[in-house]
Amino acid sequence: MLVNGTWSKDWDPVQKSDEKGRFVRQTSSFRSWITPDGSAGPTGDAGFKAEPGRYRLYVAFICPWASRTLMARKLKGLDQMIAVTVVNPTLTDQGWAFGGYPGADDDPLFGSAYMHELYTRADPQFTGRATVPVLWDKQTSTIVNNESADILRMLDTAFEHLVPSDLRLYPTDLGPEIDALNADVYQSFNNGVYKAGFATTQEAYDEAVTGVFDTLARLEDRLTGDYLFGDRLTETDIRTFVTLIRFDAAYHGIFKTNRRQIADYPRLQAYMERIYHLPGVAETVNMDHITRGYYSIKALNPNGIRPTGPAHITALTGG
């Protein structure tokens, strides 16, 4: 991680643990928003106006949080508004790196070797982990935001006057319900698989894995329509999908969430496939990067061997 702008120690997947061995996730540090007129958003500073070509999104295909933003960019038709750079899926001793793997990009703006170099460009005294996604402003040469939940929501509306869309990922009439379901899905499923995988005590693991499968059961029961809110695709579906698509190929094995597979839940499996086949979504899923990345985590898989299945995910995604 970075301490006062200097790389201080090798990358460690366990960001922090509490007194019972539970995984604790770092809080995002850059929280400004792009808005139609450049006024301040709910958090952070003003000055980030929605303009074509001004912003670049740095992502990892392995990362579900980054993939949320990729999906929003595709579903909202923002390909021409916001460029994308994909980092290497294999996490190095200095965290995310650029280039060096099929489908990974060099940093086109600064020729950086590692993502943490962008953080110190934005803040020379930055202390913390250099995470993705990163939404970068080329005009002011700084990070606008590195919180996927914020980026997902701002992409829903910030560019609407430039790229009109019939899709609203956070419709105001469903706002309170979306917020409530987001919180439930995040705590016990999106982050729950990580809490299971990075638990440092049996108690913490048992608690986390039970939460994961209790949530899957609730979601299976809830799915009576095409999406979690009936026939309306929302940001909650994006948040849920990114964990579902990684589950059988990665989390089931590397994070030991192996009580069942998503393939064992008929509604969830069909729901996952339905979203995968929405226009543009398949381009945001790179299963080679996903399995390469997760199975490169030395703390969990020191020999770096990755499985070749499961067959139903290979058939869906092409590998």
Protein backbone atom coordinates (compact mmCIF):
# COMPACT_ATOMS: atom_id res chain seq x y z
CA MET A 1 0.00 0.00 0.00
CA LEU A 2 0.94 3.66 -0.21
CA VAL A 3 1.97 5.62 2.88
CA ASN A 4 2.34 9.36 2.35
CA GLY A 5 2.77 8.77 -1.37
CA THR A 6 5.44 6.06 -1.06
CA TRP A 7 4.92 2.37 -1.75
CA SER A 8 5.65 0.77 1.60
CA LYS A 9 4.86 -2.95 1.54
CA ASP A 10 3.90 -5.81 -0.74
CA TRP A 11 0.27 -6.12 -1.78
CA ASP A 12 -1.81 -8.14 0.68
CA PRO A 13 -5.35 -9.35 -0.14
CA VAL A 14 -6.44 -9.03 3.51
CA GLN A 15 -6.93 -5.29 3.83
CA LYS A 16 -7.84 -5.43 7.52
CA SER A 17 -9.37 -7.86 9.99
CA ASP A 18 -11.41 -7.21 13.10
CA GLU A 19 -10.90 -8.89 16.46
CA LYS A 20 -12.83 -11.98 15.33
CA GLY A 21 -10.90 -12.45 12.10
CA ARG A 22 -13.52 -10.85 9.86
CA PHE A 23 -12.35 -9.24 6.61
CA VAL A 24 -12.79 -5.44 6.66
CA ARG A 25 -12.85 -3.54 3.36
CA GLN A 26 -11.08 -0.22 2.89
CA THR A 27 -13.24 2.88 2.40
CA SER A 28 -12.82 4.69 -0.93
CA SER A 29 -10.95 7.99 -0.77
CA PHE A 30 -11.89 10.04 -3.86
CA ARG A 31 -15.59 10.89 -3.87
CA SER A 32 -16.28 13.75 -6.32
CA TRP A 33 -18.95 13.42 -9.00
CA ILE A 34 -19.33 14.20 -12.69
CA THR A 35 -22.49 16.25 -13.14
CA PRO A 36 -24.17 17.75 -16.24
CA ASP A 37 -23.06 21.30 -15.41
CA GLY A 38 -20.02 20.64 -13.22
CA SER A 39 -21.75 21.53 -9.97
CA ALA A 40 -20.91 19.53 -6.86
CA GLY A 41 -22.45 16.10 -6.41
CA PRO A 42 -23.59 14.49 -3.16
CA THR A 43 -19.96 14.33 -1.99
CA GLY A 44 -16.63 15.84 -2.97
CA ASP A 45 -15.75 18.91 -5.00
CA ALA A 46 -17.37 20.71 -7.92
CA GLY A 47 -15.73 21.23 -11.30
CA PHE A 48 -16.27 17.91 -13.06
CA LYS A 49 -18.61 18.66 -15.94
CA ALA A 50 -19.91 15.90 -18.21
CA GLU A 51 -18.00 16.34 -21.48
CA PRO A 52 -17.13 13.92 -24.30
CA GLY A 53 -13.63 12.48 -24.07
CA ARG A 54 -12.67 14.23 -20.85
CA TYR A 55 -12.69 11.17 -18.59
CA ARG A 56 -11.03 7.76 -18.58
CA LEU A 57 -12.16 4.72 -16.60
CA TYR A 58 -9.45 2.41 -15.26
CA VAL A 59 -10.77 -1.08 -14.53
CA ALA A 60 -9.85 -4.72 -13.98
CA PHE A 61 -12.01 -7.42 -15.56
CA ILE A 62 -11.32 -9.58 -12.53
CA CYS A 63 -12.86 -7.00 -10.16
CA PRO A 64 -16.65 -7.06 -9.67
CA TRP A 65 -16.67 -3.49 -8.38
CA ALA A 66 -14.95 -2.24 -11.53
CA SER A 67 -17.22 -4.38 -13.69
CA ARG A 68 -20.26 -2.59 -12.26
CA THR A 69 -19.01 0.59 -13.89
CA LEU A 70 -18.19 -1.15 -17.17
CA MET A 71 -21.74 -2.51 -17.33
CA ALA A 72 -23.27 0.91 -16.66
CA ARG A 73 -21.07 2.47 -19.35
CA LYS A 74 -22.26 -0.14 -21.87
CA LEU A 75 -25.93 -0.17 -20.91
CA LYS A 76 -26.12 3.64 -20.97
CA GLY A 77 -24.36 3.88 -24.36
CA LEU A 78 -21.39 5.86 -23.05
CA ASP A 79 -18.64 4.14 -25.05
CA GLN A 80 -17.86 7.32 -26.99
CA MET A 81 -18.02 9.51 -23.89
CA ILE A 82 -15.65 7.64 -21.58
CA ALA A 83 -12.54 5.69 -22.65
CA VAL A 84 -11.47 2.55 -20.77
CA THR A 85 -8.10 1.14 -19.74
CA VAL A 86 -7.93 -2.47 -18.46
CA VAL A 87 -5.17 -3.49 -16.04
CA ASN A 88 -3.38 -6.83 -15.87
CA PRO A 89 -5.47 -9.49 -14.07
CA THR A 90 -2.54 -10.86 -12.06
CA LEU A 91 -2.00 -8.91 -8.88
CA THR A 92 1.67 -8.10 -8.32
CA ASP A 93 3.58 -7.21 -5.15
CA GLN A 94 2.75 -3.60 -6.04
CA GLY A 95 -0.91 -4.24 -6.74
CA TRP A 96 -2.57 -3.64 -10.11
CA ALA A 97 -0.15 -3.37 -13.04
CA PHE A 98 -0.54 -2.25 -16.65
CA GLY A 99 0.01 -4.35 -19.78
CA GLY A 100 1.83 -7.65 -20.04
CA TYR A 101 -1.20 -9.90 -20.57
CA PRO A 102 -3.66 -10.46 -23.45
CA GLY A 103 -6.51 -7.99 -23.11
CA ALA A 104 -4.61 -5.78 -20.64
CA ASP A 105 -3.68 -2.25 -21.68
CA ASP A 106 -0.69 -0.04 -21.16
CA ASP A 107 -1.46 3.24 -19.43
CA PRO A 108 -2.10 5.59 -22.38
CA LEU A 109 -1.93 8.81 -20.38
CA PHE A 110 1.29 8.54 -18.40
CA GLY A 111 2.93 5.22 -19.23
CA SER A 112 2.54 4.15 -15.60
CA ALA A 113 3.72 0.69 -14.59
CA TYR A 114 1.31 0.38 -11.65
CA MET A 115 -2.07 1.77 -10.71
CA HIS A 116 -0.66 3.26 -7.51
CA GLU A 117 1.27 5.75 -9.66
CA LEU A 118 -2.01 7.37 -10.69
CA TYR A 119 -2.97 7.73 -7.05
CA THR A 120 0.20 9.64 -6.26
CA ARG A 121 -0.34 11.83 -9.33
CA ALA A 122 -3.72 12.75 -7.91
CA ASP A 123 -2.40 13.12 -4.37
CA PRO A 124 1.38 13.02 -3.79
CA GLN A 125 0.77 12.28 -0.08
CA PHE A 126 -1.88 9.60 -0.57
CA THR A 127 -2.06 6.86 2.05
CA GLY A 128 -4.09 3.73 1.32
CA ARG A 129 -4.65 1.00 -1.24
CA ALA A 130 -4.67 1.74 -4.97
CA THR A 131 -7.95 0.15 -6.00
CA VAL A 132 -10.04 -0.01 -9.16
CA PRO A 133 -12.22 1.35 -10.60
CA VAL A 134 -10.67 4.77 -11.01
CA LEU A 135 -12.48 7.53 -12.87
CA TRP A 136 -9.78 9.92 -14.08
CA ASP A 137 -10.22 13.51 -15.27
CA LYS A 138 -7.73 14.36 -18.02
CA GLN A 139 -8.46 18.08 -17.80
CA THR A 140 -7.42 18.52 -14.16
CA SER A 141 -5.20 15.40 -14.06
CA THR A 142 -6.78 13.92 -10.99
CA ILE A 143 -9.03 11.11 -9.78
CA VAL A 144 -12.67 12.11 -9.74
CA ASN A 145 -13.90 9.03 -7.90
CA ASN A 146 -12.76 5.52 -6.98
CA GLU A 147 -16.00 4.30 -5.41
CA SER A 148 -17.85 1.96 -7.76
CA ALA A 149 -21.27 2.66 -6.20
CA ASP A 150 -20.85 6.39 -6.88
CA ILE A 151 -19.58 5.86 -10.42
CA LEU A 152 -22.40 3.46 -11.22
CA ARG A 153 -24.95 6.03 -10.10
CA MET A 154 -23.35 9.05 -11.77
CA LEU A 155 -23.12 7.26 -15.12
CA ASP A 156 -26.88 6.78 -14.93
CA THR A 157 -27.61 10.52 -15.17
CA ALA A 158 -24.51 12.70 -15.68
CA PHE A 159 -24.37 12.31 -19.46
CA GLU A 160 -28.10 12.04 -20.08
CA HIS A 161 -28.25 15.42 -21.87
CA LEU A 162 -25.49 14.25 -24.24
CA VAL A 163 -26.55 10.61 -24.68
CA PRO A 164 -30.28 10.26 -23.95
CA SER A 165 -31.38 6.84 -22.75
CA ASP A 166 -34.67 5.15 -21.95
CA LEU A 167 -32.94 3.11 -19.25
CA ARG A 168 -32.88 4.46 -15.71
CA LEU A 169 -30.78 2.33 -13.38
CA TYR A 170 -31.86 4.26 -10.29
CA PRO A 171 -35.46 5.36 -10.87
CA THR A 172 -36.60 7.75 -8.16
CA ASP A 173 -39.83 5.85 -7.45
CA LEU A 174 -37.79 2.77 -6.52
CA GLY A 175 -35.00 4.65 -4.75
CA PRO A 176 -35.67 3.58 -1.14
CA GLU A 177 -36.30 -0.04 -2.17
CA ILE A 178 -33.13 -0.14 -4.29
CA ASP A 179 -31.06 1.30 -1.44
CA ALA A 180 -32.40 -1.29 0.99
CA LEU A 181 -31.82 -4.26 -1.32
CA ASN A 182 -28.37 -2.93 -2.33
CA ALA A 183 -27.33 -2.88 1.32
CA ASP A 184 -28.53 -6.43 1.91
CA VAL A 185 -26.90 -7.82 -1.24
CA TYR A 186 -23.64 -5.95 -0.61
CA GLN A 187 -23.11 -6.95 3.00
CA SER A 188 -23.82 -10.65 2.74
CA PHE A 189 -23.23 -11.48 -0.94
CA ASN A 190 -21.03 -9.01 -2.91
CA ASN A 191 -18.72 -8.50 0.04
CA GLY A 192 -19.81 -11.72 1.73
CA VAL A 193 -17.82 -13.91 -0.65
CA TYR A 194 -14.70 -11.88 0.17
CA LYS A 195 -15.43 -12.13 3.89
CA ALA A 196 -15.57 -15.91 3.46
CA GLY A 197 -12.45 -16.08 1.31
CA PHE A 198 -10.30 -13.81 3.45
CA ALA A 199 -11.57 -14.89 6.87
CA THR A 200 -8.73 -15.60 9.28
CA THR A 201 -10.78 -17.63 11.78
CA GLN A 202 -13.24 -20.49 11.40
CA GLU A 203 -15.88 -18.43 13.20
CA ALA A 204 -15.56 -15.57 10.72
CA TYR A 205 -15.68 -17.97 7.76
CA ASP A 206 -18.75 -19.83 9.05
CA GLU A 207 -20.59 -16.56 9.64
CA ALA A 208 -19.73 -15.21 6.19
CA VAL A 209 -20.49 -18.34 4.17
CA THR A 210 -23.84 -18.77 5.92
CA GLY A 211 -24.70 -15.19 4.98
CA VAL A 212 -23.77 -15.83 1.35
CA PHE A 213 -26.10 -18.79 0.97
CA ASP A 214 -28.92 -17.28 3.01
CA THR A 215 -28.83 -14.33 0.59
CA LEU A 216 -28.80 -16.59 -2.47
CA ALA A 217 -31.89 -18.37 -1.13
CA ARG A 218 -33.68 -15.04 -0.61
CA LEU A 219 -32.77 -13.85 -4.11
CA GLU A 220 -33.93 -17.13 -5.65
CA ASP A 221 -37.30 -16.73 -3.93
CA ARG A 222 -37.57 -13.06 -4.92
CA LEU A 223 -37.05 -13.66 -8.64
CA THR A 224 -40.57 -14.00 -9.98
CA GLY A 225 -39.98 -11.64 -12.92
CA ASP A 226 -37.08 -10.95 -15.26
CA TYR A 227 -35.25 -8.80 -12.71
CA LEU A 228 -35.14 -8.14 -8.98
CA PHE A 229 -37.74 -5.38 -9.38
CA GLY A 230 -40.06 -7.16 -11.77
CA ASP A 231 -39.52 -6.17 -15.40
CA ARG A 232 -37.28 -3.17 -14.62
CA LEU A 233 -33.51 -3.51 -14.85
CA THR A 234 -31.87 -1.45 -12.09
CA GLU A 235 -28.45 -0.92 -10.57
CA THR A 236 -29.25 -3.68 -8.06
CA ASP A 237 -29.28 -6.18 -10.91
CA ILE A 238 -25.84 -4.98 -12.00
CA ARG A 239 -24.53 -5.29 -8.45
CA THR A 240 -25.93 -8.81 -8.16
CA PHE A 241 -24.86 -10.00 -11.61
CA VAL A 242 -21.16 -9.20 -11.18
CA THR A 243 -20.94 -11.57 -8.20
CA LEU A 244 -23.14 -14.24 -9.76
CA ILE A 245 -21.06 -14.48 -12.95
CA ARG A 246 -17.85 -15.00 -10.93
CA PHE A 247 -19.32 -17.38 -8.40
CA ASP A 248 -19.10 -20.85 -9.92
CA ALA A 249 -15.81 -20.22 -11.74
CA ALA A 250 -13.96 -18.43 -8.93
CA TYR A 251 -15.60 -17.90 -5.56
CA HIS A 252 -16.90 -21.48 -5.24
CA GLY A 253 -13.31 -22.71 -5.27
CA ILE A 254 -10.86 -19.98 -4.29
CA PHE A 255 -13.10 -18.43 -1.59
CA LYS A 256 -14.46 -21.78 -0.33
CA THR A 257 -18.10 -20.80 -0.87
CA ASN A 258 -18.79 -24.36 -2.01
CA ARG A 259 -22.05 -25.39 -0.41
CA ARG A 260 -23.81 -24.93 -3.76
CA GLN A 261 -23.20 -23.41 -7.19
CA ILE A 262 -25.34 -20.78 -8.89
CA ALA A 263 -26.21 -23.55 -11.36
CA ASP A 264 -28.12 -25.17 -8.47
CA TYR A 265 -30.51 -22.19 -8.33
CA PRO A 266 -32.72 -22.36 -11.47
CA ARG A 267 -34.07 -18.80 -11.26
CA LEU A 268 -30.72 -17.21 -10.46
CA GLN A 269 -28.97 -19.14 -13.22
CA ALA A 270 -31.57 -18.03 -15.77
CA TYR A 271 -31.44 -14.46 -14.43
CA MET A 272 -27.64 -14.39 -14.73
CA GLU A 273 -27.79 -15.65 -18.31
CA ARG A 274 -30.55 -13.14 -19.15
CA ILE A 275 -28.40 -10.22 -18.02
CA TYR A 276 -25.29 -11.62 -19.68
CA HIS A 277 -27.11 -11.58 -23.02
CA LEU A 278 -28.21 -7.94 -22.74
CA PRO A 279 -26.52 -5.82 -25.45
CA GLY A 280 -22.92 -5.05 -24.50
CA VAL A 281 -22.81 -6.93 -21.21
CA ALA A 282 -20.81 -9.91 -22.52
CA GLU A 283 -18.03 -7.46 -23.46
CA THR A 284 -17.64 -6.60 -19.78
CA VAL A 285 -17.04 -10.24 -18.77
CA ASN A 286 -13.62 -11.75 -19.44
CA MET A 287 -13.54 -15.14 -17.75
CA ASP A 288 -9.87 -15.68 -18.59
CA HIS A 289 -8.98 -12.51 -16.69
CA ILE A 290 -11.34 -13.44 -13.85
CA THR A 291 -9.95 -16.90 -13.21
CA ARG A 292 -6.37 -15.84 -13.90
CA GLY A 293 -6.73 -13.01 -11.40
CA TYR A 294 -8.39 -14.80 -8.52
CA TYR A 295 -6.23 -17.89 -8.77
CA SER A 296 -3.10 -15.73 -8.81
CA ILE A 297 -3.70 -14.62 -5.21
CA LYS A 298 -0.67 -16.22 -3.56
CA ALA A 299 -2.12 -16.14 -0.05
CA LEU A 300 -4.97 -18.40 -1.20
CA ASN A 301 -3.33 -20.34 -4.04
CA PRO A 302 0.46 -20.32 -3.70
CA ASN A 303 1.11 -22.59 -6.70
CA GLY A 304 -1.03 -20.47 -9.04
CA ILE A 305 -2.90 -23.44 -10.53
CA ARG A 306 -6.34 -22.51 -11.81
CA PRO A 307 -9.21 -24.88 -12.62
CA THR A 308 -10.45 -25.36 -16.17
CA GLY A 309 -14.19 -25.30 -15.48
CA PRO A 310 -16.97 -25.34 -14.77
CA ALA A 311 -18.35 -26.42 -18.13
CA HIS A 312 -21.59 -24.42 -17.91
CA ILE A 313 -19.69 -21.15 -17.42
CA THR A 314 -17.29 -21.98 -20.23
CA ALA A 315 -20.28 -22.67 -22.48
CA LEU A 316 -21.94 -19.38 -21.52
CA THR A 317 -18.92 -17.10 -21.83
CA GLY A 318 -16.78 -18.96 -24.33
CA GLY A 319 -13.95 -19.58 -21.88
